[in-house]
Amino acid sequence: MAREGTVHLPVGGPDGVPIALLRRVYGLSIAEVAAARTTGYRATPVEARYLLSTTP
């Protein structure tokens, strides 16, 4: 993260990372997903590419 930083991803909605995907990949709790839905999710560029590539 120190070298590449992080990117901000929206969670849920038509342009966001699906909630179910975050729960499955990272095992986030309902409370964590609710927080991410409000504030977005910070991911490394590699994680972001993976999450966005698996979005239907």
Protein backbone atom coordinates (compact mmCIF):
# COMPACT_ATOMS: atom_id res chain seq x y z
CA MET A 1 0.00 0.00 0.00
CA ALA A 2 2.87 2.33 0.69
CA ARG A 3 4.02 2.09 -2.91
CA GLU A 4 0.75 1.98 -4.86
CA GLY A 5 -1.71 3.53 -2.41
CA THR A 6 -5.38 2.70 -2.36
CA VAL A 7 -8.39 3.43 -4.49
CA HIS A 8 -11.90 4.26 -3.34
CA LEU A 9 -14.64 1.95 -4.60
CA PRO A 10 -18.36 2.58 -4.23
CA VAL A 11 -20.27 -0.31 -2.67
CA GLY A 12 -23.63 -1.47 -3.95
CA GLY A 13 -25.80 0.20 -6.52
CA PRO A 14 -25.41 0.04 -10.28
CA ASP A 15 -21.80 1.29 -10.35
CA GLY A 16 -20.53 -0.21 -7.11
CA VAL A 17 -18.93 -3.44 -5.99
CA PRO A 18 -21.71 -5.91 -5.14
CA ILE A 19 -22.31 -6.34 -1.42
CA ALA A 20 -22.44 -10.12 -1.74
CA LEU A 21 -19.01 -10.12 -3.38
CA LEU A 22 -17.43 -8.22 -0.49
CA ARG A 23 -19.05 -10.58 1.97
CA ARG A 24 -17.85 -13.65 0.06
CA VAL A 25 -14.30 -12.48 -0.69
CA TYR A 26 -13.49 -10.69 2.56
CA GLY A 27 -16.00 -12.22 4.96
CA LEU A 28 -17.31 -8.80 5.97
CA SER A 29 -20.04 -8.69 8.59
CA ILE A 30 -23.37 -7.01 7.93
CA ALA A 31 -22.20 -4.02 10.01
CA GLU A 32 -18.96 -3.75 8.01
CA VAL A 33 -20.87 -3.91 4.73
CA ALA A 34 -23.31 -1.26 5.95
CA ALA A 35 -20.38 1.01 6.81
CA ALA A 36 -18.76 0.34 3.43
CA ARG A 37 -22.07 1.09 1.71
CA THR A 38 -22.04 4.50 3.37
CA THR A 39 -18.36 5.41 3.03
CA GLY A 40 -17.13 3.19 0.19
CA TYR A 41 -14.37 0.61 0.33
CA ARG A 42 -10.64 1.28 0.16
CA ALA A 43 -8.72 -1.31 -1.80
CA THR A 44 -5.28 -1.67 -3.30
CA PRO A 45 -5.18 -1.29 -7.08
CA VAL A 46 -4.77 -5.07 -7.42
CA GLU A 47 -7.80 -5.75 -5.21
CA ALA A 48 -9.82 -3.15 -7.09
CA ARG A 49 -9.02 -4.76 -10.45
CA TYR A 50 -10.04 -8.16 -9.08
CA LEU A 51 -13.27 -6.89 -7.51
CA LEU A 52 -14.27 -4.95 -10.60
CA SER A 53 -13.40 -7.84 -12.93
CA THR A 54 -15.73 -10.18 -11.05
CA THR A 55 -18.63 -7.73 -11.12
CA PRO A 56 -21.33 -8.86 -13.57
